[in-house]
Every structure is written in C-alpha cells, then in structure tokens.
C-alpha cells in the first residue's frame, strides 16, 4: 500500500468512527447536559431547573427546546422557553408564562 492509500483509509475510518460516536447514548446524554447548562445560564433565573420533556429537531433544523423554571429578581417563580442552536452552541430564552400552557399568576 502506498502512503496515499493508507492516509485515505485512515481518514475514512476516522470519519466513520466519529459519526458513529455522535449517536451513542453517552453522546446524547452529554448533549442534553450541555443544552441544560446553556439554557439555565441564558434564563438568568436563580435556582433554575429544566422542567417537562425536551424537544429535539433533526439536523436540518438543529435546535433543542427546553422549558426552564426558576425565580426571577423579585423572587417570583418564572418560566422561560429556551432554544439552543446545536451548530453555534448558543442558547436564547423568551418569556414562557401563558404561551406554554403554564400559568403562574
């Protein structure tokens, strides 16, 4: 085998191994932890936690959705919807009360 064949074989094997690892249960747990941390931080709420089920979209729309609950500056329970972009690894939130079927009044 020449050097080019060996290099190409290694590149393909590495590529296949990397894509296979992306779908392992551990990689999904790691992504979930990463999304949760980013959404909690973006919410600005104290004692924040992720509530209810998560929503994940395909790679065509690489977005994860979470609902975050915690206390605002007035120490009132607040709910926010978080969208996490898997490509940029950034989270943003919007007020969730009422829109999410959660009424905290």
N, C-alpha and C. Protein backbone atom coordinates (compact mmCIF):
# COMPACT_ATOMS: atom_id res chain seq x y z
N UNK A 1 0.84 -1.19 0.00
CA UNK A 1 0.00 0.00 0.00
C UNK A 1 0.88 1.25 0.00
N UNK A 2 0.48 2.20 -0.78
CA UNK A 2 1.24 3.43 -0.77
C UNK A 2 0.73 4.38 0.31
N UNK A 3 1.44 5.46 0.53
CA UNK A 3 1.10 6.40 1.61
C UNK A 3 -0.28 7.03 1.40
N UNK A 4 -0.64 7.33 0.16
CA UNK A 4 -1.94 7.94 -0.12
C UNK A 4 -3.07 7.00 0.24
N UNK A 5 -2.96 5.74 -0.09
CA UNK A 5 -4.00 4.75 0.23
C UNK A 5 -4.15 4.61 1.74
N UNK A 6 -3.03 4.56 2.44
CA UNK A 6 -3.07 4.43 3.91
C UNK A 6 -3.72 5.68 4.51
N UNK A 7 -3.35 6.84 4.02
CA UNK A 7 -3.92 8.09 4.54
C UNK A 7 -5.41 8.16 4.31
N UNK A 8 -5.85 7.80 3.10
CA UNK A 8 -7.27 7.82 2.80
C UNK A 8 -8.04 6.81 3.65
N UNK A 9 -7.46 5.64 3.82
CA UNK A 9 -8.11 4.61 4.64
C UNK A 9 -8.27 5.10 6.08
N UNK A 10 -7.23 5.70 6.63
CA UNK A 10 -7.32 6.23 7.99
C UNK A 10 -8.33 7.36 8.09
N UNK A 11 -8.38 8.22 7.10
CA UNK A 11 -9.34 9.32 7.11
C UNK A 11 -10.78 8.82 7.08
N UNK A 12 -11.05 7.84 6.24
CA UNK A 12 -12.39 7.27 6.16
C UNK A 12 -12.75 6.56 7.45
N UNK A 13 -11.83 5.79 8.00
CA UNK A 13 -12.10 5.07 9.26
C UNK A 13 -12.36 6.05 10.39
N UNK A 14 -11.60 7.12 10.47
CA UNK A 14 -11.81 8.13 11.50
C UNK A 14 -13.17 8.81 11.32
N UNK A 15 -13.51 9.11 10.09
CA UNK A 15 -14.80 9.74 9.81
C UNK A 15 -15.96 8.84 10.21
N UNK A 16 -15.88 7.58 9.88
CA UNK A 16 -16.94 6.64 10.25
C UNK A 16 -17.03 6.47 11.75
N UNK A 17 -15.92 6.40 12.42
CA UNK A 17 -15.92 6.24 13.88
C UNK A 17 -16.50 7.47 14.55
N UNK A 18 -16.16 8.66 14.04
CA UNK A 18 -16.69 9.89 14.62
C UNK A 18 -18.19 9.98 14.44
N UNK A 19 -18.71 9.65 13.27
CA UNK A 19 -20.15 9.74 13.06
C UNK A 19 -20.89 8.68 13.87
N UNK A 20 -20.28 7.54 14.08
CA UNK A 20 -20.91 6.51 14.90
C UNK A 20 -20.97 6.96 16.36
N UNK A 21 -19.92 7.64 16.83
CA UNK A 21 -19.91 8.12 18.20
C UNK A 21 -20.95 9.19 18.45
N UNK A 22 -21.31 9.93 17.43
CA UNK A 22 -22.26 11.02 17.59
C UNK A 22 -23.65 10.52 17.94
N UNK A 23 -23.93 9.26 17.75
CA UNK A 23 -25.26 8.73 18.02
C UNK A 23 -25.30 7.79 19.22
N UNK A 24 -24.25 7.74 19.98
CA UNK A 24 -24.23 6.84 21.13
C UNK A 24 -25.08 7.42 22.25
N UNK A 25 -25.61 6.58 23.12
CA UNK A 25 -26.38 7.09 24.26
C UNK A 25 -25.59 8.09 25.11
N UNK A 26 -24.30 7.85 25.28
CA UNK A 26 -23.48 8.77 26.07
C UNK A 26 -23.38 10.14 25.40
N UNK A 27 -23.25 10.16 24.07
CA UNK A 27 -23.17 11.45 23.38
C UNK A 27 -24.49 12.21 23.48
N UNK A 28 -25.61 11.51 23.47
CA UNK A 28 -26.91 12.17 23.65
C UNK A 28 -27.05 12.72 25.07
N UNK A 29 -26.56 11.97 26.07
CA UNK A 29 -26.59 12.47 27.46
C UNK A 29 -25.70 13.69 27.60
N UNK A 30 -24.55 13.67 26.95
CA UNK A 30 -23.64 14.81 27.00
C UNK A 30 -24.28 16.04 26.35
N UNK A 31 -24.94 15.85 25.21
CA UNK A 31 -25.63 16.95 24.56
C UNK A 31 -26.73 17.49 25.46
N UNK A 32 -27.49 16.61 26.10
CA UNK A 32 -28.57 17.04 26.99
C UNK A 32 -28.02 17.86 28.15
N UNK A 33 -26.91 17.43 28.73
CA UNK A 33 -26.30 18.20 29.83
C UNK A 33 -25.82 19.57 29.33
N UNK A 34 -25.23 19.59 28.15
CA UNK A 34 -24.73 20.85 27.58
C UNK A 34 -25.89 21.81 27.32
N UNK A 35 -26.97 21.31 26.75
CA UNK A 35 -28.14 22.15 26.47
C UNK A 35 -28.75 22.65 27.77
N UNK A 36 -28.89 21.77 28.74
CA UNK A 36 -29.48 22.17 30.02
C UNK A 36 -28.66 23.27 30.68
N UNK A 37 -27.35 23.10 30.72
CA UNK A 37 -26.48 24.12 31.33
C UNK A 37 -26.61 25.46 30.60
N UNK A 38 -26.59 25.41 29.27
CA UNK A 38 -26.67 26.65 28.49
C UNK A 38 -28.01 27.34 28.68
N UNK A 39 -29.10 26.56 28.72
CA UNK A 39 -30.43 27.15 28.89
C UNK A 39 -30.62 27.74 30.29
N UNK A 40 -30.10 27.04 31.29
CA UNK A 40 -30.20 27.56 32.66
C UNK A 40 -29.43 28.86 32.77
N UNK A 41 -28.24 28.91 32.19
CA UNK A 41 -27.44 30.13 32.23
C UNK A 41 -28.12 31.27 31.47
N UNK A 42 -28.69 30.98 30.31
CA UNK A 42 -29.34 32.01 29.49
C UNK A 42 -30.61 32.55 30.14
N UNK A 43 -31.24 31.75 30.99
CA UNK A 43 -32.51 32.17 31.60
C UNK A 43 -32.34 33.32 32.57
N UNK A 44 -31.19 33.39 33.24
CA UNK A 44 -30.98 34.44 34.24
C UNK A 44 -31.78 34.23 35.51
N UNK A 45 -32.37 33.07 35.66
CA UNK A 45 -33.18 32.78 36.85
C UNK A 45 -32.32 32.14 37.93
N UNK A 46 -32.67 32.39 39.17
CA UNK A 46 -31.96 31.72 40.26
C UNK A 46 -32.67 30.40 40.57
N UNK A 47 -31.90 29.46 41.06
CA UNK A 47 -32.40 28.11 41.36
C UNK A 47 -33.17 27.53 40.17
N UNK A 48 -32.66 27.78 38.98
CA UNK A 48 -33.32 27.35 37.74
C UNK A 48 -33.16 25.85 37.53
N UNK A 49 -34.18 25.27 36.90
CA UNK A 49 -34.14 23.85 36.54
C UNK A 49 -34.94 23.65 35.27
N UNK A 50 -34.60 22.60 34.55
CA UNK A 50 -35.32 22.23 33.33
C UNK A 50 -36.56 21.45 33.76
N UNK A 51 -37.72 21.83 33.21
CA UNK A 51 -38.96 21.12 33.54
C UNK A 51 -39.55 20.51 32.27
N UNK A 52 -40.38 19.54 32.44
CA UNK A 52 -41.08 18.80 31.39
C UNK A 52 -40.13 18.13 30.41
N UNK A 53 -40.69 17.61 29.36
CA UNK A 53 -39.92 16.90 28.34
C UNK A 53 -39.20 17.88 27.43
N UNK A 54 -38.15 17.38 26.80
CA UNK A 54 -37.39 18.18 25.86
C UNK A 54 -37.93 17.98 24.45
N UNK A 55 -37.58 18.89 23.57
CA UNK A 55 -37.93 18.76 22.16
C UNK A 55 -36.65 18.90 21.35
N UNK A 56 -36.39 17.92 20.49
CA UNK A 56 -35.21 17.93 19.63
C UNK A 56 -35.67 17.85 18.18
N UNK A 57 -34.97 18.56 17.33
CA UNK A 57 -35.29 18.56 15.91
C UNK A 57 -34.15 17.89 15.14
N UNK A 58 -34.41 17.56 13.90
CA UNK A 58 -33.39 16.93 13.06
C UNK A 58 -32.26 17.92 12.79
N UNK A 59 -31.21 17.43 12.15
CA UNK A 59 -30.07 18.28 11.83
C UNK A 59 -30.41 19.34 10.79
N UNK A 60 -31.52 19.18 10.08
CA UNK A 60 -31.95 20.23 9.14
C UNK A 60 -32.33 21.49 9.88
N UNK A 61 -32.89 21.34 11.08
CA UNK A 61 -33.20 22.46 11.97
C UNK A 61 -32.55 22.11 13.30
N UNK A 62 -31.26 22.41 13.46
CA UNK A 62 -30.50 21.91 14.62
C UNK A 62 -30.82 22.66 15.92
N UNK A 63 -32.03 22.47 16.39
CA UNK A 63 -32.49 23.21 17.56
C UNK A 63 -32.98 22.24 18.63
N UNK A 64 -32.67 22.56 19.87
CA UNK A 64 -33.18 21.85 21.04
C UNK A 64 -34.03 22.84 21.82
N UNK A 65 -35.19 22.41 22.30
CA UNK A 65 -36.04 23.28 23.10
C UNK A 65 -36.14 22.74 24.51
N UNK A 66 -36.12 23.65 25.48
CA UNK A 66 -36.29 23.29 26.88
C UNK A 66 -37.17 24.34 27.55
N UNK A 67 -37.84 23.95 28.61
CA UNK A 67 -38.58 24.89 29.44
C UNK A 67 -37.82 25.00 30.76
N UNK A 68 -37.52 26.23 31.13
CA UNK A 68 -36.73 26.50 32.34
C UNK A 68 -37.63 27.19 33.37
N UNK A 69 -37.56 26.71 34.60
CA UNK A 69 -38.32 27.31 35.69
C UNK A 69 -37.35 27.72 36.79
N UNK A 70 -37.59 28.88 37.37
CA UNK A 70 -36.75 29.35 38.46
C UNK A 70 -37.33 30.61 39.04
N UNK A 71 -36.55 31.30 39.85
CA UNK A 71 -37.01 32.52 40.49
C UNK A 71 -36.40 33.74 39.83
N UNK A 72 -37.24 34.75 39.55
CA UNK A 72 -36.74 35.99 38.96
C UNK A 72 -36.20 36.90 40.08
N UNK A 73 -35.84 38.12 39.74
CA UNK A 73 -35.24 39.05 40.72
C UNK A 73 -36.20 39.44 41.84
N UNK A 74 -37.50 39.35 41.56
CA UNK A 74 -38.50 39.66 42.58
C UNK A 74 -38.83 38.43 43.42
N UNK A 75 -38.06 37.35 43.21
CA UNK A 75 -38.24 36.07 43.90
C UNK A 75 -39.61 35.45 43.64
N UNK A 76 -40.10 35.66 42.43
CA UNK A 76 -41.35 35.06 41.97
C UNK A 76 -40.99 33.96 40.97
N UNK A 77 -41.69 32.84 41.04
CA UNK A 77 -41.43 31.75 40.10
C UNK A 77 -41.71 32.23 38.68
N UNK A 78 -40.76 31.98 37.80
CA UNK A 78 -40.88 32.41 36.41
C UNK A 78 -40.58 31.21 35.50
N UNK A 79 -41.16 31.23 34.31
CA UNK A 79 -40.97 30.16 33.34
C UNK A 79 -40.49 30.78 32.02
N UNK A 80 -39.45 30.18 31.43
CA UNK A 80 -38.92 30.66 30.16
C UNK A 80 -38.75 29.51 29.19
N UNK A 81 -38.96 29.81 27.92
CA UNK A 81 -38.71 28.85 26.85
C UNK A 81 -37.31 29.11 26.31
N UNK A 82 -36.52 28.06 26.20
CA UNK A 82 -35.14 28.18 25.73
C UNK A 82 -34.99 27.44 24.41
N UNK A 83 -34.34 28.09 23.47
CA UNK A 83 -33.97 27.46 22.20
C UNK A 83 -32.45 27.42 22.14
N UNK A 84 -31.91 26.23 21.91
CA UNK A 84 -30.47 26.01 21.85
C UNK A 84 -30.11 25.60 20.44
N UNK A 85 -29.18 26.33 19.82
CA UNK A 85 -28.72 26.04 18.46
C UNK A 85 -27.51 25.11 18.56
N UNK A 86 -27.66 23.89 18.06
CA UNK A 86 -26.56 22.92 18.14
C UNK A 86 -25.36 23.33 17.30
N UNK A 87 -25.56 24.10 16.24
CA UNK A 87 -24.44 24.49 15.39
C UNK A 87 -23.57 25.56 16.06
N UNK A 88 -24.22 26.57 16.64
CA UNK A 88 -23.47 27.66 17.27
C UNK A 88 -23.23 27.42 18.76
N UNK A 89 -23.94 26.44 19.33
CA UNK A 89 -23.87 26.11 20.76
C UNK A 89 -24.26 27.31 21.62
N UNK A 90 -25.29 28.03 21.17
CA UNK A 90 -25.79 29.19 21.91
C UNK A 90 -27.25 28.98 22.26
N UNK A 91 -27.61 29.51 23.41
CA UNK A 91 -28.99 29.41 23.88
C UNK A 91 -29.59 30.81 24.01
N UNK A 92 -30.88 30.89 23.75
CA UNK A 92 -31.61 32.13 23.96
C UNK A 92 -32.95 31.79 24.58
N UNK A 93 -33.50 32.71 25.36
CA UNK A 93 -34.76 32.44 26.05
C UNK A 93 -35.78 33.53 25.77
N UNK A 94 -37.04 33.18 25.99
CA UNK A 94 -38.14 34.13 25.92
C UNK A 94 -39.10 33.79 27.04
N UNK A 95 -39.90 34.75 27.43
CA UNK A 95 -40.87 34.51 28.50
C UNK A 95 -41.81 33.40 28.08
N UNK A 96 -42.11 32.50 28.98
CA UNK A 96 -42.92 31.34 28.64
C UNK A 96 -44.29 31.31 29.29
N UNK A 97 -44.53 32.14 30.30
CA UNK A 97 -45.80 32.08 31.01
C UNK A 97 -46.95 32.36 30.06
N UNK A 98 -47.96 31.52 30.11
CA UNK A 98 -49.13 31.68 29.25
C UNK A 98 -48.97 31.01 27.91
N UNK A 99 -47.87 31.28 27.22
CA UNK A 99 -47.63 30.72 25.90
C UNK A 99 -47.41 29.22 25.94
N UNK A 100 -46.92 28.73 27.05
CA UNK A 100 -46.57 27.31 27.15
C UNK A 100 -47.63 26.53 27.90
N UNK A 101 -48.76 27.16 28.15
CA UNK A 101 -49.80 26.47 28.92
C UNK A 101 -49.47 26.43 30.40
N UNK A 102 -48.53 27.26 30.81
CA UNK A 102 -48.13 27.34 32.22
C UNK A 102 -48.59 28.68 32.75
N UNK A 103 -49.46 28.67 33.70
CA UNK A 103 -49.95 29.92 34.30
C UNK A 103 -49.47 30.00 35.73
N UNK A 104 -48.70 31.02 36.01
CA UNK A 104 -48.10 31.20 37.35
C UNK A 104 -48.63 32.43 38.05
N UNK A 105 -49.77 32.94 37.65
CA UNK A 105 -50.31 34.16 38.28
C UNK A 105 -51.09 33.86 39.52
